[in-house]
Amino acid sequence: MASVPESSCSIARSLGVLGERWTFLILRDAFLGKTRFAEFRESLGVADSVLSKHVRVLHEAGYVDVHKSAGGSRVRTSLSLTRVGRAAYDGHVAALRAIVSNERLPVRAHAQRAPG
């Protein structure tokens, strides 16, 4: 399981969270409107334990909120994207689109290219 690295680089930090297949797909499903734990499990085809581990990483990173409620004899778990999670997802999708279309991403004003 990836851990969130201590880095000032936003790409490195988010890859620490989203660098594994399931975490990014969980964000995708949340972005597309899924909320119930069972919906994520069915969509991804993973065991509860696998989904729980990745949801925990996303929650600890502040990308999703986890809500638990009693539903009869069972506790129901639902997820929702946070503002930070939505921004991370949007940023990754934009970066992937730029890579696919061979575009350059905007460089921050303080970043400089090495001479050569």
Protein backbone atom coordinates (compact mmCIF):
# COMPACT_ATOMS: atom_id res chain seq x y z
CA MET A 1 0.00 0.00 0.00
CA ALA A 2 1.37 3.40 -0.89
CA SER A 3 1.91 5.92 1.85
CA VAL A 4 1.68 9.65 1.52
CA PRO A 5 5.26 10.89 1.10
CA GLU A 6 6.49 14.00 2.82
CA SER A 7 7.18 16.21 -0.18
CA SER A 8 6.59 19.75 -1.31
CA CYS A 9 5.89 18.46 -4.82
CA SER A 10 2.14 18.10 -5.37
CA ILE A 11 2.63 15.40 -8.01
CA ALA A 12 4.81 13.31 -5.69
CA ARG A 13 2.33 13.71 -2.83
CA SER A 14 -0.69 12.75 -4.91
CA LEU A 15 1.10 9.79 -6.51
CA GLY A 16 1.76 8.56 -3.00
CA VAL A 17 -2.00 8.33 -2.64
CA LEU A 18 -3.17 7.67 -6.20
CA GLY A 19 -0.20 5.65 -7.40
CA GLU A 20 -2.07 2.40 -6.97
CA ARG A 21 -4.75 1.25 -9.35
CA TRP A 22 -7.63 0.94 -6.89
CA THR A 23 -7.29 4.33 -5.25
CA PHE A 24 -7.61 6.21 -8.52
CA LEU A 25 -10.54 4.04 -9.59
CA ILE A 26 -12.28 4.68 -6.27
CA LEU A 27 -11.91 8.42 -6.87
CA ARG A 28 -13.24 7.97 -10.39
CA ASP A 29 -16.32 6.14 -9.14
CA ALA A 30 -16.92 8.79 -6.46
CA PHE A 31 -16.56 11.50 -9.10
CA LEU A 32 -19.14 9.67 -11.22
CA GLY A 33 -21.63 9.67 -8.33
CA LYS A 34 -21.21 6.38 -6.54
CA THR A 35 -21.57 6.75 -2.77
CA ARG A 36 -22.33 3.35 -1.21
CA PHE A 37 -19.48 1.01 -0.25
CA ALA A 38 -21.31 -1.86 -2.00
CA GLU A 39 -21.47 0.14 -5.24
CA PHE A 40 -17.70 0.63 -5.19
CA ARG A 41 -17.11 -3.05 -4.37
CA GLU A 42 -19.34 -4.21 -7.22
CA SER A 43 -17.98 -1.69 -9.73
CA LEU A 44 -14.36 -2.57 -8.98
CA GLY A 45 -14.83 -6.27 -8.33
CA VAL A 46 -12.67 -6.25 -5.21
CA ALA A 47 -12.99 -7.80 -1.77
CA ASP A 48 -14.20 -5.69 1.15
CA SER A 49 -10.73 -5.81 2.73
CA VAL A 50 -9.03 -4.48 -0.41
CA LEU A 51 -11.56 -1.68 -0.79
CA SER A 52 -11.34 -0.79 2.90
CA LYS A 53 -7.54 -0.47 2.78
CA HIS A 54 -7.65 1.89 -0.19
CA VAL A 55 -10.54 3.91 1.19
CA ARG A 56 -8.53 4.34 4.41
CA VAL A 57 -5.58 5.76 2.43
CA LEU A 58 -7.87 8.17 0.56
CA HIS A 59 -9.57 9.22 3.80
CA GLU A 60 -6.25 9.80 5.60
CA ALA A 61 -5.10 11.94 2.66
CA GLY A 62 -8.29 14.01 2.90
CA TYR A 63 -9.58 12.92 -0.51
CA VAL A 64 -12.79 11.23 0.69
CA ASP A 65 -15.09 11.50 3.67
CA VAL A 66 -16.39 8.24 5.11
CA HIS A 67 -19.89 8.16 6.58
CA LYS A 68 -21.29 5.26 8.61
CA SER A 69 -24.95 4.79 9.43
CA ALA A 70 -27.00 2.03 10.97
CA GLY A 71 -29.26 0.30 8.48
CA GLY A 72 -31.15 -2.45 10.22
CA SER A 73 -28.71 -4.99 11.62
CA ARG A 74 -25.83 -3.69 9.47
CA VAL A 75 -23.68 -0.62 9.42
CA ARG A 76 -23.80 1.03 6.02
CA THR A 77 -20.72 2.84 4.76
CA SER A 78 -20.80 5.60 2.20
CA LEU A 79 -18.11 7.79 0.70
CA SER A 80 -18.04 11.27 -0.70
CA LEU A 81 -15.32 13.23 -2.44
CA THR A 82 -13.91 16.15 -0.54
CA ARG A 83 -12.95 19.40 -2.22
CA VAL A 84 -9.31 18.25 -2.05
CA GLY A 85 -10.21 14.87 -3.57
CA ARG A 86 -12.15 16.48 -6.42
CA ALA A 87 -9.22 18.82 -7.15
CA ALA A 88 -6.76 15.90 -7.10
CA TYR A 89 -8.95 13.87 -9.44
CA ASP A 90 -9.46 16.81 -11.81
CA GLY A 91 -5.72 17.52 -11.80
CA HIS A 92 -4.79 13.93 -12.59
CA VAL A 93 -7.35 13.66 -15.35
CA ALA A 94 -6.08 16.92 -16.87
CA ALA A 95 -2.50 15.66 -16.70
CA LEU A 96 -3.46 12.36 -18.32
CA ARG A 97 -5.34 14.18 -21.08
CA ALA A 98 -2.31 16.40 -21.69
CA ILE A 99 -0.05 13.37 -21.91
CA VAL A 100 -2.40 11.61 -24.32
CA SER A 101 -2.78 14.69 -26.50
CA ASN A 102 0.96 15.40 -26.20
CA GLU A 103 0.36 18.87 -24.79
CA ARG A 104 2.53 20.60 -22.27
CA LEU A 105 1.14 21.37 -18.86
CA PRO A 106 1.53 24.91 -17.55
CA VAL A 107 4.67 25.30 -15.45
CA ARG A 108 4.52 27.22 -12.20
CA ALA A 109 6.18 30.61 -12.31
CA HIS A 110 8.82 29.57 -9.78
CA ALA A 111 9.80 26.39 -11.63
CA GLN A 112 12.73 26.79 -13.96
CA ARG A 113 14.06 24.54 -16.62
CA ALA A 114 17.65 23.39 -16.40
CA PRO A 115 19.86 24.94 -19.08
CA GLY A 116 20.86 22.67 -21.85
